[in-house]
Amino acid sequence: MKKSIFFEHIIAASQQEQTDVTEMMDYVASIGYVGCDMGWESPKQLKAQAQTLSSHGLAVSSVYRFWDYTTPLDKTDASTFFSSLKEVGTTQAMVIPMGGKAPYEEQDYTHLYAWLSELCSIAVLYGIDVSVEDFDDAGAMINHTASLSRLFCHVPAMRHTFDTGNYPYFYESPLDALDVFIDKITHVHLKDRSYTPPTQNQPAGQMADGAPVYPCANGEGFVPLKDIILRLKAHGYQGYLSVEHFGHKEMKNAIKRSAHFIDTVLSDLS
C-alpha cells in the first residue's frame, strides 16, 4: 500500500507555514507520500498540476469530481474527463453526485442509477474505475451502508472509495462496512475523527446528529484505522491510503504524524 495526501492539504499546510507550495510538495515526498488526490477543474489544470507533482516525486492518485446528475450526461465532457485522467496516469475517478435535494423520491434514485451506469460505460473505454464514497452529508443520496448497497446492486460497474471516517459520521462501524464492501474497494480515504480538539484553536465539525467532532491526524482519534489497514492488507489491497484531515489547523504537523502512523502499521505487517 502507498501513502497519498489530498492536494488541498499541501496548499493548506503551505499557507499555514507561510512557505511555497512546491516546498511543501518536497516535504510530503520526503516523508514517504507518493501520491495526491486532486479535485477536478479542467483538463488543462489537471495536466499542469500533474506535471508539477511529478517534478517533486508525486503522482496523481485519484481525481474527485462534484457532478450534477440531474441534467443529462454530457458524453463529450465525460470522455474528456476520463481521457484526462488516463493522460496523467491515474485509473481512479471518484464521483460525488450533486444537484438533488432531500427528501428523495424513487424516481430520483432511478434516474441517478441510470446516469451513473451511463457514466461507467464511458469510463471503461479509458480503463478508469468510477467510484463513490460514503459521503458524510445527511442530505446526500449516497452516504451510508444501505444507500451504497442499493447503488451497487443497480450499478454493478460502480466501485467504492472507502472513507474510514465517514461511516462513523452516521455511527456506523467502518469495520462492518469494510466486510460488506471489501470486493468493491478501489481507493481508500484514511480519515480519523476525534471527540476532542487536536489544537486550542481547532473549530469543530459535526456528526450526523449534530454532535461536535474534530479532524485529527491518523491514529489519534476513535476510528479503528489500524484494524482497517490490517483487513485491507489481508484481502490483498495494494492501492493508495489517502490521508484526509480537512480543516486541521496544524496541517503540516498532522501530515507528518499521519505518515508516521501509517509507516508504523505497515512496518508491523512486514
Protein backbone atom coordinates (compact mmCIF):
# COMPACT_ATOMS: atom_id res chain seq x y z
CA MET A 1 0.00 0.00 0.00
CA LYS A 2 1.10 3.54 -0.78
CA LYS A 3 0.64 6.83 1.06
CA SER A 4 -1.22 9.67 -0.61
CA ILE A 5 -2.34 13.09 0.58
CA PHE A 6 -5.04 15.47 -0.60
CA PHE A 7 -3.52 18.25 -2.67
CA GLU A 8 -5.65 20.75 -0.73
CA HIS A 9 -3.79 19.66 2.42
CA ILE A 10 -0.49 20.62 0.81
CA ILE A 11 -1.92 24.03 -0.04
CA ALA A 12 -3.35 24.48 3.47
CA ALA A 13 -0.03 23.48 5.07
CA SER A 14 1.93 25.89 2.87
CA GLN A 15 -0.44 28.74 3.76
CA GLN A 16 -0.27 27.99 7.48
CA GLU A 17 3.52 27.70 7.40
CA GLN A 18 3.85 30.68 5.02
CA THR A 19 6.01 28.74 2.63
CA ASP A 20 5.87 27.92 -1.07
CA VAL A 21 3.58 25.11 -2.25
CA THR A 22 6.45 23.44 -4.08
CA GLU A 23 8.48 23.36 -0.86
CA MET A 24 5.58 21.61 0.84
CA MET A 25 5.42 19.11 -2.03
CA ASP A 26 9.07 18.32 -1.42
CA TYR A 27 8.35 17.93 2.28
CA VAL A 28 5.48 15.46 1.86
CA ALA A 29 7.54 13.47 -0.65
CA SER A 30 10.46 13.38 1.81
CA ILE A 31 8.30 11.65 4.44
CA GLY A 32 7.09 8.96 2.09
CA TYR A 33 3.98 10.23 0.34
CA VAL A 34 3.95 9.25 -3.31
CA GLY A 35 0.52 10.42 -4.47
CA CYS A 36 -2.01 13.25 -4.31
CA ASP A 37 -5.80 13.16 -4.53
CA MET A 38 -6.88 16.03 -6.77
CA GLY A 39 -10.11 17.94 -7.27
CA TRP A 40 -11.27 18.31 -10.89
CA GLU A 41 -11.38 21.71 -12.53
CA SER A 42 -10.34 21.26 -16.15
CA PRO A 43 -8.07 19.15 -18.39
CA LYS A 44 -5.52 21.96 -18.57
CA GLN A 45 -5.43 22.39 -14.80
CA LEU A 46 -5.07 18.66 -14.14
CA LYS A 47 -2.25 18.24 -16.66
CA ALA A 48 -0.35 21.24 -15.27
CA GLN A 49 -0.72 20.06 -11.67
CA ALA A 50 0.27 16.52 -12.59
CA GLN A 51 3.45 17.79 -14.24
CA THR A 52 4.31 19.87 -11.18
CA LEU A 53 3.63 16.96 -8.85
CA SER A 54 5.79 14.65 -10.95
CA SER A 55 8.72 17.05 -10.76
CA HIS A 56 8.50 16.76 -6.96
CA GLY A 57 8.23 12.97 -6.82
CA LEU A 58 4.43 12.75 -6.56
CA ALA A 59 1.77 11.18 -8.78
CA VAL A 60 -1.96 11.77 -9.17
CA SER A 61 -3.52 9.04 -7.05
CA SER A 62 -7.18 9.87 -7.71
CA VAL A 63 -9.33 12.67 -9.10
CA TYR A 64 -12.64 13.53 -7.49
CA ARG A 65 -15.41 15.49 -9.13
CA PHE A 66 -18.68 17.01 -7.94
CA TRP A 67 -21.06 16.25 -10.80
CA ASP A 68 -24.66 17.33 -11.39
CA TYR A 69 -26.58 14.15 -12.11
CA THR A 70 -29.92 15.99 -12.51
CA THR A 71 -29.01 17.10 -16.03
CA PRO A 72 -28.42 14.75 -18.98
CA LEU A 73 -24.90 13.37 -19.03
CA ASP A 74 -22.66 15.28 -21.44
CA LYS A 75 -20.86 12.35 -23.09
CA THR A 76 -18.21 14.59 -24.64
CA ASP A 77 -17.46 16.13 -21.27
CA ALA A 78 -17.31 12.69 -19.66
CA SER A 79 -14.93 11.40 -22.33
CA THR A 80 -12.70 14.45 -21.89
CA PHE A 81 -12.68 13.89 -18.13
CA PHE A 82 -11.70 10.23 -18.34
CA SER A 83 -9.15 10.74 -21.10
CA SER A 84 -7.52 13.47 -18.98
CA LEU A 85 -7.19 11.06 -16.06
CA LYS A 86 -5.67 8.44 -18.32
CA GLU A 87 -3.21 11.01 -19.68
CA VAL A 88 -1.89 11.88 -16.22
CA GLY A 89 -1.58 8.23 -15.25
CA THR A 90 -4.38 7.58 -12.80
CA THR A 91 -7.17 5.00 -13.07
CA GLN A 92 -9.20 6.39 -10.16
CA ALA A 93 -12.19 8.73 -10.54
CA MET A 94 -14.40 9.44 -7.56
CA VAL A 95 -17.75 10.99 -8.43
CA ILE A 96 -19.85 12.94 -5.93
CA PRO A 97 -23.38 13.22 -7.39
CA MET A 98 -24.87 16.65 -6.78
CA GLY A 99 -27.98 18.60 -7.72
CA GLY A 100 -30.78 16.80 -5.95
CA LYS A 101 -32.47 17.77 -2.72
CA ALA A 102 -33.84 15.60 0.06
CA PRO A 103 -36.33 14.11 0.61
CA TYR A 104 -35.74 11.98 -2.50
CA GLU A 105 -38.41 10.13 -4.44
CA GLU A 106 -37.99 6.71 -6.03
CA GLN A 107 -37.72 8.34 -9.44
CA ASP A 108 -34.70 10.32 -8.22
CA TYR A 109 -32.84 7.11 -7.40
CA THR A 110 -33.88 5.51 -10.69
CA HIS A 111 -32.51 8.49 -12.56
CA LEU A 112 -29.27 8.50 -10.55
CA TYR A 113 -28.62 4.81 -11.20
CA ALA A 114 -29.20 5.23 -14.94
CA TRP A 115 -26.96 8.30 -15.03
CA LEU A 116 -24.13 6.55 -13.17
CA SER A 117 -24.47 3.42 -15.33
CA GLU A 118 -24.00 5.54 -18.44
CA LEU A 119 -21.01 7.27 -16.86
CA CYS A 120 -19.39 3.92 -16.01
CA SER A 121 -19.95 2.67 -19.57
CA ILE A 122 -17.85 5.57 -20.85
CA ALA A 123 -15.17 5.21 -18.18
CA VAL A 124 -14.44 1.59 -19.06
CA LEU A 125 -13.35 2.70 -22.53
CA TYR A 126 -10.46 4.56 -20.89
CA GLY A 127 -9.60 1.99 -18.22
CA ILE A 128 -10.92 4.19 -15.41
CA ASP A 129 -12.57 2.91 -12.23
CA VAL A 130 -15.51 5.12 -11.23
CA SER A 131 -16.22 5.09 -7.52
CA VAL A 132 -18.40 6.78 -4.93
CA GLU A 133 -17.66 7.28 -1.26
CA ASP A 134 -19.78 7.10 1.86
CA PHE A 135 -20.33 10.87 1.70
CA ASP A 136 -20.66 12.46 5.15
CA ASP A 137 -23.78 14.51 4.50
CA ALA A 138 -27.21 13.59 5.79
CA GLY A 139 -28.75 15.17 2.69
CA ALA A 140 -26.70 13.19 0.18
CA MET A 141 -28.26 10.34 -1.81
CA ILE A 142 -25.27 8.04 -1.25
CA ASN A 143 -23.95 8.31 2.27
CA HIS A 144 -24.18 5.11 4.31
CA THR A 145 -24.23 1.33 4.09
CA ALA A 146 -27.85 0.92 2.99
CA SER A 147 -27.69 3.52 0.22
CA LEU A 148 -24.37 2.16 -1.05
CA SER A 149 -25.62 -1.44 -1.07
CA ARG A 150 -28.61 -0.41 -3.11
CA LEU A 151 -26.47 1.57 -5.54
CA PHE A 152 -24.01 -1.29 -6.12
CA CYS A 153 -26.94 -3.61 -6.77
CA HIS A 154 -28.32 -1.34 -9.50
CA VAL A 155 -24.94 -0.22 -10.92
CA PRO A 156 -22.65 -3.30 -10.83
CA ALA A 157 -19.77 -1.47 -12.54
CA MET A 158 -19.57 1.12 -9.78
CA ARG A 159 -16.67 0.84 -7.33
CA HIS A 160 -16.15 2.21 -3.83
CA THR A 161 -13.76 4.78 -2.41
CA PHE A 162 -13.82 3.64 1.19
CA ASP A 163 -13.72 6.62 3.56
CA THR A 164 -12.83 5.33 7.00
CA GLY A 165 -14.17 8.37 8.86
CA ASN A 166 -17.47 8.84 7.07
CA TYR A 167 -19.24 5.69 8.23
CA PRO A 168 -18.78 6.83 11.86
CA TYR A 169 -20.43 10.12 10.86
CA PHE A 170 -23.69 8.11 10.91
CA TYR A 171 -22.49 5.99 13.85
CA GLU A 172 -21.94 3.01 11.56
CA SER A 173 -18.99 0.68 12.10
CA PRO A 174 -16.34 1.13 9.39
CA LEU A 175 -15.12 -2.41 10.08
CA ASP A 176 -18.60 -3.82 9.42
CA ALA A 177 -18.85 -1.72 6.25
CA LEU A 178 -15.42 -2.91 5.17
CA ASP A 179 -16.56 -6.52 5.39
CA VAL A 180 -19.64 -5.71 3.30
CA PHE A 181 -17.87 -3.75 0.55
CA ILE A 182 -14.34 -5.20 0.55
CA ASP A 183 -14.65 -6.52 -3.02
CA LYS A 184 -15.81 -3.12 -4.30
CA ILE A 185 -13.00 -1.04 -2.83
CA THR A 186 -10.67 0.57 -5.35
CA HIS A 187 -9.38 3.53 -3.31
CA VAL A 188 -9.19 4.47 0.39
CA HIS A 189 -9.51 7.77 2.23
CA LEU A 190 -7.76 7.27 5.55
CA LYS A 191 -9.66 9.66 7.83
CA ASP A 192 -9.72 9.70 11.63
CA ARG A 193 -12.05 11.71 13.85
CA SER A 194 -11.76 12.86 17.46
CA TYR A 195 -14.21 14.00 20.11
CA THR A 196 -11.56 16.36 21.48
CA PRO A 197 -9.83 19.16 19.56
CA PRO A 198 -6.25 18.45 18.43
CA THR A 199 -5.29 22.11 18.95
CA GLN A 200 -6.62 25.00 21.02
CA ASN A 201 -7.93 26.90 18.01
CA GLN A 202 -9.48 23.94 16.17
CA PRO A 203 -13.13 24.54 15.10
CA ALA A 204 -15.47 21.59 15.47
CA GLY A 205 -17.29 19.78 12.73
CA GLN A 206 -20.48 17.80 13.31
CA MET A 207 -21.67 14.23 13.34
CA ALA A 208 -24.99 13.45 11.64
CA ASP A 209 -26.86 14.20 14.86
CA GLY A 210 -25.04 17.49 15.39
CA ALA A 211 -22.55 16.22 17.99
CA PRO A 212 -19.20 18.05 17.77
CA VAL A 213 -16.28 16.18 16.22
CA TYR A 214 -12.81 17.26 15.13
CA PRO A 215 -10.31 16.44 12.38
CA CYS A 216 -7.15 14.81 13.64
CA ALA A 217 -4.03 13.03 12.41
CA ASN A 218 -4.36 9.35 11.61
CA GLY A 219 -4.24 7.19 14.70
CA GLU A 220 -5.18 9.98 17.10
CA GLY A 221 -8.97 9.58 17.09
CA PHE A 222 -11.63 6.94 17.60
CA VAL A 223 -11.71 5.38 14.12
CA PRO A 224 -10.07 1.90 14.15
CA LEU A 225 -7.59 2.69 11.38
CA LYS A 226 -5.04 0.03 12.31
CA ASP A 227 -7.63 -2.75 12.14
CA ILE A 228 -8.92 -1.36 8.83
CA ILE A 229 -5.44 -1.37 7.31
CA LEU A 230 -4.87 -4.91 8.59
CA ARG A 231 -8.05 -6.15 6.93
CA LEU A 232 -7.27 -4.35 3.68
CA LYS A 233 -3.82 -5.89 3.67
CA ALA A 234 -5.18 -9.36 4.39
CA HIS A 235 -7.61 -9.01 1.48
CA GLY A 236 -4.80 -8.05 -0.89
CA TYR A 237 -5.48 -4.34 -1.29
CA GLN A 238 -2.38 -2.71 -2.79
CA GLY A 239 -3.66 0.76 -3.68
CA TYR A 240 -3.35 4.14 -2.03
CA LEU A 241 -4.13 5.10 1.54
CA SER A 242 -5.04 8.76 1.04
CA VAL A 243 -4.66 10.73 4.26
CA GLU A 244 -7.53 13.13 4.88
CA HIS A 245 -7.96 15.68 7.64
CA PHE A 246 -9.58 18.74 6.06
CA GLY A 247 -9.71 21.78 8.29
CA HIS A 248 -6.83 20.83 10.60
CA LYS A 249 -5.22 23.98 12.00
CA GLU A 250 -1.75 22.42 12.21
CA MET A 251 -1.79 20.70 8.84
CA LYS A 252 1.93 20.16 8.33
CA ASN A 253 2.30 18.50 11.71
CA ALA A 254 -0.80 16.39 11.10
CA ILE A 255 0.55 15.29 7.71
CA LYS A 256 3.76 14.18 9.41
CA ARG A 257 2.02 12.34 12.25
CA SER A 258 -0.32 10.58 9.83
CA ALA A 259 2.64 9.42 7.75
CA HIS A 260 4.36 8.09 10.87
CA PHE A 261 1.23 6.22 11.93
CA ILE A 262 0.82 4.53 8.54
CA ASP A 263 4.52 3.66 8.33
CA THR A 264 4.38 2.09 11.78
CA VAL A 265 1.34 -0.02 10.96
CA LEU A 266 2.75 -1.18 7.64
CA SER A 267 6.12 -1.90 9.24
CA ASP A 268 4.42 -4.15 11.78
CA LEU A 269 2.83 -6.06 8.91
CA SER A 270 6.11 -6.76 7.10
